[in-house]
Amino acid sequence: MDIIPTYYTHTLLIACPAVFSEIIARLVNVSFLESISPSLYKQASVTPVLKQATLDETVLSNYRPISNLNFISKILEHLF
């Protein structure tokens, strides 16, 4: 799972494209050749967030789940 949030990962990739482009291209090409997306890329980190700040925090139905996927999985999703 990504340790760095997607926004910062995206900013880092924009700042250093030469460093990461070959790595990402290799991962994507291997996924295309094998016609699979690695299971690691399919795992999400789920964070509960209150629907409204005024709702009771002790009631579970007042939360909505936010799923954060691995940055590479988002790239693969757009390419497939």
PDB file of N, CA and C in Angstrom:
ATOM      1  N   MET A   1       0.844  -1.174   0.000  1.00  0.00           N
ATOM      2  CA  MET A   1       0.000   0.000   0.000  1.00  0.00           C
ATOM      3  C   MET A   1       0.891   1.239   0.000  1.00  0.00           C
ATOM      4  N   ASP A   2       0.443   2.254  -0.688  1.00  0.00           N
ATOM      5  CA  ASP A   2       1.199   3.502  -0.721  1.00  0.00           C
ATOM      6  C   ASP A   2       1.263   4.129   0.667  1.00  0.00           C
ATOM      7  N   ILE A   3       2.442   4.587   1.031  1.00  0.00           N
ATOM      8  CA  ILE A   3       2.595   5.301   2.289  1.00  0.00           C
ATOM      9  C   ILE A   3       2.288   6.779   2.066  1.00  0.00           C
ATOM     10  N   ILE A   4       2.612   7.264   0.873  1.00  0.00           N
ATOM     11  CA  ILE A   4       2.400   8.663   0.524  1.00  0.00           C
ATOM     12  C   ILE A   4       1.026   8.811  -0.129  1.00  0.00           C
ATOM     13  N   PRO A   5       0.206   9.785   0.281  1.00  0.00           N
ATOM     14  CA  PRO A   5      -1.096   9.999  -0.361  1.00  0.00           C
ATOM     15  C   PRO A   5      -0.949  10.271  -1.859  1.00  0.00           C
ATOM     16  N   THR A   6      -1.980   9.935  -2.623  1.00  0.00           N
ATOM     17  CA  THR A   6      -1.952  10.031  -4.081  1.00  0.00           C
ATOM     18  C   THR A   6      -1.575  11.422  -4.570  1.00  0.00           C
ATOM     19  N   TYR A   7      -2.074  12.463  -3.929  1.00  0.00           N
ATOM     20  CA  TYR A   7      -1.757  13.821  -4.376  1.00  0.00           C
ATOM     21  C   TYR A   7      -0.247  14.051  -4.381  1.00  0.00           C
ATOM     22  N   TYR A   8       0.412  13.642  -3.305  1.00  0.00           N
ATOM     23  CA  TYR A   8       1.849  13.857  -3.199  1.00  0.00           C
ATOM     24  C   TYR A   8       2.623  12.932  -4.128  1.00  0.00           C
ATOM     25  N   THR A   9       2.127  11.719  -4.328  1.00  0.00           N
ATOM     26  CA  THR A   9       2.758  10.788  -5.262  1.00  0.00           C
ATOM     27  C   THR A   9       2.707  11.383  -6.663  1.00  0.00           C
ATOM     28  N   HIS A  10       1.548  11.913  -7.041  1.00  0.00           N
ATOM     29  CA  HIS A  10       1.377  12.531  -8.355  1.00  0.00           C
ATOM     30  C   HIS A  10       2.347  13.702  -8.519  1.00  0.00           C
ATOM     31  N   THR A  11       2.464  14.540  -7.500  1.00  0.00           N
ATOM     32  CA  THR A  11       3.372  15.686  -7.532  1.00  0.00           C
ATOM     33  C   THR A  11       4.818  15.229  -7.682  1.00  0.00           C
ATOM     34  N   LEU A  12       5.173  14.172  -6.976  1.00  0.00           N
ATOM     35  CA  LEU A  12       6.525  13.628  -7.061  1.00  0.00           C
ATOM     36  C   LEU A  12       6.812  13.077  -8.456  1.00  0.00           C
ATOM     37  N   LEU A  13       5.842  12.403  -9.047  1.00  0.00           N
ATOM     38  CA  LEU A  13       6.024  11.865 -10.404  1.00  0.00           C
ATOM     39  C   LEU A  13       6.171  12.974 -11.437  1.00  0.00           C
ATOM     40  N   ILE A  14       5.427  14.042 -11.270  1.00  0.00           N
ATOM     41  CA  ILE A  14       5.530  15.181 -12.177  1.00  0.00           C
ATOM     42  C   ILE A  14       6.904  15.840 -12.045  1.00  0.00           C
ATOM     43  N   ALA A  15       7.412  15.916 -10.821  1.00  0.00           N
ATOM     44  CA  ALA A  15       8.697  16.566 -10.568  1.00  0.00           C
ATOM     45  C   ALA A  15       9.886  15.738 -11.060  1.00  0.00           C
ATOM     46  N   CYS A  16       9.742  14.417 -11.084  1.00  0.00           N
ATOM     47  CA  CYS A  16      10.864  13.528 -11.461  1.00  0.00           C
ATOM     48  C   CYS A  16      10.430  12.480 -12.483  1.00  0.00           C
ATOM     49  N   PRO A  17       9.949  12.891 -13.648  1.00  0.00           N
ATOM     50  CA  PRO A  17       9.425  11.907 -14.598  1.00  0.00           C
ATOM     51  C   PRO A  17      10.475  10.920 -15.114  1.00  0.00           C
ATOM     52  N   ALA A  18      11.706  11.358 -15.288  1.00  0.00           N
ATOM     53  CA  ALA A  18      12.736  10.473 -15.826  1.00  0.00           C
ATOM     54  C   ALA A  18      13.037   9.321 -14.873  1.00  0.00           C
ATOM     55  N   VAL A  19      12.915   9.580 -13.588  1.00  0.00           N
ATOM     56  CA  VAL A  19      13.223   8.553 -12.593  1.00  0.00           C
ATOM     57  C   VAL A  19      12.141   7.470 -12.572  1.00  0.00           C
ATOM     58  N   PHE A  20      10.883   7.891 -12.629  1.00  0.00           N
ATOM     59  CA  PHE A  20       9.789   6.952 -12.441  1.00  0.00           C
ATOM     60  C   PHE A  20       9.179   6.403 -13.730  1.00  0.00           C
ATOM     61  N   SER A  21       9.367   7.064 -14.851  1.00  0.00           N
ATOM     62  CA  SER A  21       8.694   6.642 -16.082  1.00  0.00           C
ATOM     63  C   SER A  21       9.080   5.231 -16.508  1.00  0.00           C
ATOM     64  N   GLU A  22      10.350   4.875 -16.413  1.00  0.00           N
ATOM     65  CA  GLU A  22      10.772   3.530 -16.810  1.00  0.00           C
ATOM     66  C   GLU A  22      10.194   2.465 -15.880  1.00  0.00           C
ATOM     67  N   ILE A  23      10.163   2.758 -14.592  1.00  0.00           N
ATOM     68  CA  ILE A  23       9.624   1.800 -13.618  1.00  0.00           C
ATOM     69  C   ILE A  23       8.144   1.571 -13.868  1.00  0.00           C
ATOM     70  N   ILE A  24       7.394   2.647 -14.034  1.00  0.00           N
ATOM     71  CA  ILE A  24       5.952   2.537 -14.253  1.00  0.00           C
ATOM     72  C   ILE A  24       5.677   1.855 -15.583  1.00  0.00           C
ATOM     73  N   ALA A  25       6.430   2.206 -16.627  1.00  0.00           N
ATOM     74  CA  ALA A  25       6.241   1.579 -17.940  1.00  0.00           C
ATOM     75  C   ALA A  25       6.478   0.073 -17.844  1.00  0.00           C
ATOM     76  N   ARG A  26       7.491  -0.338 -17.102  1.00  0.00           N
ATOM     77  CA  ARG A  26       7.791  -1.770 -16.939  1.00  0.00           C
ATOM     78  C   ARG A  26       6.641  -2.480 -16.228  1.00  0.00           C
ATOM     79  N   LEU A  27       6.142  -1.898 -15.144  1.00  0.00           N
ATOM     80  CA  LEU A  27       5.021  -2.496 -14.415  1.00  0.00           C
ATOM     81  C   LEU A  27       3.781  -2.625 -15.296  1.00  0.00           C
ATOM     82  N   VAL A  28       3.495  -1.587 -16.051  1.00  0.00           N
ATOM     83  CA  VAL A  28       2.322  -1.597 -16.930  1.00  0.00           C
ATOM     84  C   VAL A  28       2.502  -2.628 -18.038  1.00  0.00           C
ATOM     85  N   ASN A  29       3.675  -2.676 -18.659  1.00  0.00           N
ATOM     86  CA  ASN A  29       3.918  -3.636 -19.738  1.00  0.00           C
ATOM     87  C   ASN A  29       3.820  -5.080 -19.263  1.00  0.00           C
ATOM     88  N   VAL A  30       4.343  -5.367 -18.096  1.00  0.00           N
ATOM     89  CA  VAL A  30       4.241  -6.721 -17.546  1.00  0.00           C
ATOM     90  C   VAL A  30       2.775  -7.069 -17.280  1.00  0.00           C
ATOM     91  N   SER A  31       2.012  -6.125 -16.758  1.00  0.00           N
ATOM     92  CA  SER A  31       0.586  -6.360 -16.515  1.00  0.00           C
ATOM     93  C   SER A  31      -0.151  -6.628 -17.821  1.00  0.00           C
ATOM     94  N   PHE A  32       0.167  -5.879 -18.876  1.00  0.00           N
ATOM     95  CA  PHE A  32      -0.459  -6.109 -20.184  1.00  0.00           C
ATOM     96  C   PHE A  32      -0.079  -7.472 -20.746  1.00  0.00           C
ATOM     97  N   LEU A  33       1.198  -7.814 -20.672  1.00  0.00           N
ATOM     98  CA  LEU A  33       1.667  -9.095 -21.219  1.00  0.00           C
ATOM     99  C   LEU A  33       1.032 -10.281 -20.505  1.00  0.00           C
ATOM    100  N   GLU A  34       0.864 -10.178 -19.215  1.00  0.00           N
ATOM    101  CA  GLU A  34       0.286 -11.265 -18.435  1.00  0.00           C
ATOM    102  C   GLU A  34      -1.233 -11.172 -18.337  1.00  0.00           C
ATOM    103  N   SER A  35      -1.800 -10.110 -18.839  1.00  0.00           N
ATOM    104  CA  SER A  35      -3.251  -9.866 -18.818  1.00  0.00           C
ATOM    105  C   SER A  35      -3.837  -9.931 -17.415  1.00  0.00           C
ATOM    106  N   ILE A  36      -3.058  -9.474 -16.459  1.00  0.00           N
ATOM    107  CA  ILE A  36      -3.555  -9.440 -15.079  1.00  0.00           C
ATOM    108  C   ILE A  36      -3.103  -8.152 -14.407  1.00  0.00           C
ATOM    109  N   SER A  37      -3.820  -7.823 -13.380  1.00  0.00           N
ATOM    110  CA  SER A  37      -3.409  -6.729 -12.507  1.00  0.00           C
ATOM    111  C   SER A  37      -2.990  -7.378 -11.194  1.00  0.00           C
ATOM    112  N   PRO A  38      -1.765  -7.182 -10.745  1.00  0.00           N
ATOM    113  CA  PRO A  38      -1.308  -7.823  -9.509  1.00  0.00           C
ATOM    114  C   PRO A  38      -2.258  -7.556  -8.344  1.00  0.00           C
ATOM    115  N   SER A  39      -2.445  -8.571  -7.508  1.00  0.00           N
ATOM    116  CA  SER A  39      -3.396  -8.458  -6.400  1.00  0.00           C
ATOM    117  C   SER A  39      -3.022  -7.336  -5.430  1.00  0.00           C
ATOM    118  N   LEU A  40      -1.737  -7.023  -5.331  1.00  0.00           N
ATOM    119  CA  LEU A  40      -1.310  -5.924  -4.467  1.00  0.00           C
ATOM    120  C   LEU A  40      -1.946  -4.605  -4.910  1.00  0.00           C
ATOM    121  N   TYR A  41      -2.150  -4.450  -6.221  1.00  0.00           N
ATOM    122  CA  TYR A  41      -2.738  -3.212  -6.753  1.00  0.00           C
ATOM    123  C   TYR A  41      -4.239  -3.157  -6.542  1.00  0.00           C
ATOM    124  N   LYS A  42      -4.844  -4.257  -6.151  1.00  0.00           N
ATOM    125  CA  LYS A  42      -6.290  -4.294  -5.962  1.00  0.00           C
ATOM    126  C   LYS A  42      -6.698  -4.044  -4.513  1.00  0.00           C
ATOM    127  N   GLN A  43      -5.728  -3.892  -3.644  1.00  0.00           N
ATOM    128  CA  GLN A  43      -6.023  -3.655  -2.231  1.00  0.00           C
ATOM    129  C   GLN A  43      -6.191  -2.159  -1.978  1.00  0.00           C
ATOM    130  N   ALA A  44      -7.185  -1.835  -1.173  1.00  0.00           N
ATOM    131  CA  ALA A  44      -7.454  -0.433  -0.845  1.00  0.00           C
ATOM    132  C   ALA A  44      -7.370  -0.224   0.659  1.00  0.00           C
ATOM    133  N   SER A  45      -7.030   0.976   1.014  1.00  0.00           N
ATOM    134  CA  SER A  45      -7.067   1.387   2.414  1.00  0.00           C
ATOM    135  C   SER A  45      -8.393   2.122   2.610  1.00  0.00           C
ATOM    136  N   VAL A  46      -9.237   1.600   3.487  1.00  0.00           N
ATOM    137  CA  VAL A  46     -10.564   2.180   3.697  1.00  0.00           C
ATOM    138  C   VAL A  46     -10.561   3.007   4.978  1.00  0.00           C
ATOM    139  N   THR A  47     -10.995   4.259   4.843  1.00  0.00           N
ATOM    140  CA  THR A  47     -11.047   5.177   5.968  1.00  0.00           C
ATOM    141  C   THR A  47     -12.488   5.636   6.175  1.00  0.00           C
ATOM    142  N   PRO A  48     -13.046   5.485   7.379  1.00  0.00           N
ATOM    143  CA  PRO A  48     -14.397   5.991   7.630  1.00  0.00           C
ATOM    144  C   PRO A  48     -14.376   7.504   7.847  1.00  0.00           C
ATOM    145  N   VAL A  49     -15.292   8.204   7.186  1.00  0.00           N
ATOM    146  CA  VAL A  49     -15.386   9.660   7.315  1.00  0.00           C
ATOM    147  C   VAL A  49     -16.835  10.015   7.642  1.00  0.00           C
ATOM    148  N   LEU A  50     -17.015  10.895   8.619  1.00  0.00           N
ATOM    149  CA  LEU A  50     -18.369  11.330   8.971  1.00  0.00           C
ATOM    150  C   LEU A  50     -19.044  12.001   7.777  1.00  0.00           C
ATOM    151  N   LYS A  51     -20.311  11.685   7.552  1.00  0.00           N
ATOM    152  CA  LYS A  51     -21.051  12.290   6.446  1.00  0.00           C
ATOM    153  C   LYS A  51     -21.218  13.793   6.655  1.00  0.00           C
ATOM    154  N   GLN A  52     -21.475  14.182   7.894  1.00  0.00           N
ATOM    155  CA  GLN A  52     -21.591  15.595   8.263  1.00  0.00           C
ATOM    156  C   GLN A  52     -20.940  15.789   9.621  1.00  0.00           C
ATOM    157  N   ALA A  53     -20.318  16.924   9.827  1.00  0.00           N
ATOM    158  CA  ALA A  53     -19.603  17.185  11.082  1.00  0.00           C
ATOM    159  C   ALA A  53     -20.527  17.221  12.301  1.00  0.00           C
ATOM    160  N   THR A  54     -21.805  17.472  12.071  1.00  0.00           N
ATOM    161  CA  THR A  54     -22.748  17.592  13.188  1.00  0.00           C
ATOM    162  C   THR A  54     -23.336  16.253  13.623  1.00  0.00           C
ATOM    163  N   LEU A  55     -23.060  15.173  12.905  1.00  0.00           N
ATOM    164  CA  LEU A  55     -23.632  13.866  13.234  1.00  0.00           C
ATOM    165  C   LEU A  55     -22.909  13.224  14.413  1.00  0.00           C
ATOM    166  N   ASP A  56     -23.614  12.307  15.059  1.00  0.00           N
ATOM    167  CA  ASP A  56     -23.077  11.586  16.217  1.00  0.00           C
ATOM    168  C   ASP A  56     -21.980  10.613  15.772  1.00  0.00           C
ATOM    169  N   GLU A  57     -20.805  10.756  16.373  1.00  0.00           N
ATOM    170  CA  GLU A  57     -19.653   9.924  16.005  1.00  0.00           C
ATOM    171  C   GLU A  57     -19.780   8.481  16.474  1.00  0.00           C
ATOM    172  N   THR A  58     -20.678   8.203  17.387  1.00  0.00           N
ATOM    173  CA  THR A  58     -20.825   6.850  17.914  1.00  0.00           C
ATOM    174  C   THR A  58     -21.746   5.973  17.077  1.00  0.00           C
ATOM    175  N   VAL A  59     -22.444   6.564  16.110  1.00  0.00           N
ATOM    176  CA  VAL A  59     -23.358   5.814  15.246  1.00  0.00           C
ATOM    177  C   VAL A  59     -22.633   5.485  13.938  1.00  0.00           C
ATOM    178  N   LEU A  60     -22.444   4.194  13.688  1.00  0.00           N
ATOM    179  CA  LEU A  60     -21.675   3.769  12.513  1.00  0.00           C
ATOM    180  C   LEU A  60     -22.328   4.165  11.183  1.00  0.00           C
ATOM    181  N   SER A  61     -23.643   4.244  11.139  1.00  0.00           N
ATOM    182  CA  SER A  61     -24.322   4.600   9.891  1.00  0.00           C
ATOM    183  C   SER A  61     -24.102   6.060   9.501  1.00  0.00           C
ATOM    184  N   ASN A  62     -23.507   6.852  10.387  1.00  0.00           N
ATOM    185  CA  ASN A  62     -23.203   8.254  10.076  1.00  0.00           C
ATOM    186  C   ASN A  62     -21.886   8.414   9.320  1.00  0.00           C
ATOM    187  N   TYR A  63     -21.224   7.300   9.047  1.00  0.00           N
ATOM    188  CA  TYR A  63     -19.951   7.326   8.342  1.00  0.00           C
ATOM    189  C   TYR A  63     -20.113   6.825   6.912  1.00  0.00           C
ATOM    190  N   ARG A  64     -19.237   7.289   6.055  1.00  0.00           N
ATOM    191  CA  ARG A  64     -19.160   6.747   4.693  1.00  0.00           C
ATOM    192  C   ARG A  64     -17.723   6.276   4.486  1.00  0.00           C
ATOM    193  N   PRO A  65     -17.550   5.172   3.770  1.00  0.00           N
ATOM    194  CA  PRO A  65     -16.198   4.656   3.567  1.00  0.00           C
ATOM    195  C   PRO A  65     -15.493   5.375   2.417  1.00  0.00           C
ATOM    196  N   ILE A  66     -14.250   5.702   2.614  1.00  0.00           N
ATOM    197  CA  ILE A  66     -13.410   6.282   1.565  1.00  0.00           C
ATOM    198  C   ILE A  66     -12.316   5.258   1.271  1.00  0.00           C
ATOM    199  N   SER A  67     -12.253   4.792   0.017  1.00  0.00           N
ATOM    200  CA  SER A  67     -11.252   3.803  -0.383  1.00  0.00           C
ATOM    201  C   SER A  67     -10.113   4.497  -1.108  1.00  0.00           C
ATOM    202  N   ASN A  68      -8.907   4.292  -0.623  1.00  0.00           N
ATOM    203  CA  ASN A  68      -7.717   4.846  -1.262  1.00  0.00           C
ATOM    204  C   ASN A  68      -6.928   3.712  -1.895  1.00  0.00           C
ATOM    205  N   LEU A  69      -6.833   3.749  -3.215  1.00  0.00           N
ATOM    206  CA  LEU A  69      -6.105   2.725  -3.951  1.00  0.00           C
ATOM    207  C   LEU A  69      -4.654   3.129  -4.146  1.00  0.00           C
ATOM    208  N   ASN A  70      -3.838   2.144  -4.415  1.00  0.00           N
ATOM    209  CA  ASN A  70      -2.442   2.344  -4.758  1.00  0.00           C
ATOM    210  C   ASN A  70      -2.359   3.207  -6.012  1.00  0.00           C
ATOM    211  N   PHE A  71      -1.413   4.133  -6.082  1.00  0.00           N
ATOM    212  CA  PHE A  71      -1.291   5.048  -7.219  1.00  0.00           C
ATOM    213  C   PHE A  71      -1.084   4.299  -8.534  1.00  0.00           C
ATOM    214  N   ILE A  72      -0.261   3.262  -8.510  1.00  0.00           N
ATOM    215  CA  ILE A  72      -0.008   2.484  -9.727  1.00  0.00           C
ATOM    216  C   ILE A  72      -1.290   1.818 -10.216  1.00  0.00           C
ATOM    217  N   SER A  73      -2.150   1.371  -9.309  1.00  0.00           N
ATOM    218  CA  SER A  73      -3.404   0.741  -9.721  1.00  0.00           C
ATOM    219  C   SER A  73      -4.299   1.732 -10.458  1.00  0.00           C
ATOM    220  N   LYS A  74      -4.224   2.997 -10.073  1.00  0.00           N
ATOM    221  CA  LYS A  74      -5.007   4.016 -10.775  1.00  0.00           C
ATOM    222  C   LYS A  74      -4.482   4.224 -12.200  1.00  0.00           C
ATOM    223  N   ILE A  75      -3.182   4.174 -12.356  1.00  0.00           N
ATOM    224  CA  ILE A  75      -2.604   4.293 -13.697  1.00  0.00           C
ATOM    225  C   ILE A  75      -3.044   3.105 -14.549  1.00  0.00           C
ATOM    226  N   LEU A  76      -2.933   1.890 -13.987  1.00  0.00           N
ATOM    227  CA  LEU A  76      -3.347   0.693 -14.723  1.00  0.00           C
ATOM    228  C   LEU A  76      -4.830   0.737 -15.085  1.00  0.00           C
ATOM    229  N   GLU A  77      -5.652   1.214 -14.173  1.00  0.00           N
ATOM    230  CA  GLU A  77      -7.097   1.301 -14.410  1.00  0.00           C
ATOM    231  C   GLU A  77      -7.384   2.182 -15.632  1.00  0.00           C
ATOM    232  N   HIS A  78      -6.689   3.285 -15.747  1.00  0.00           N
ATOM    233  CA  HIS A  78      -6.907   4.196 -16.873  1.00  0.00           C
ATOM    234  C   HIS A  78      -6.401   3.619 -18.189  1.00  0.00           C
ATOM    235  N   LEU A  79      -5.370   2.784 -18.124  1.00  0.00           N
ATOM    236  CA  LEU A  79      -4.793   2.213 -19.336  1.00  0.00           C
ATOM    237  C   LEU A  79      -5.541   0.984 -19.834  1.00  0.00           C
ATOM    238  N   PHE A  80      -6.133   0.192 -18.916  1.00  0.00           N
ATOM    239  CA  PHE A  80      -6.882  -0.981 -19.336  1.00  0.00           C
ATOM    240  C   PHE A  80      -8.171  -0.513 -19.880  1.00  0.00           C
TER     241      PHE A  80
END
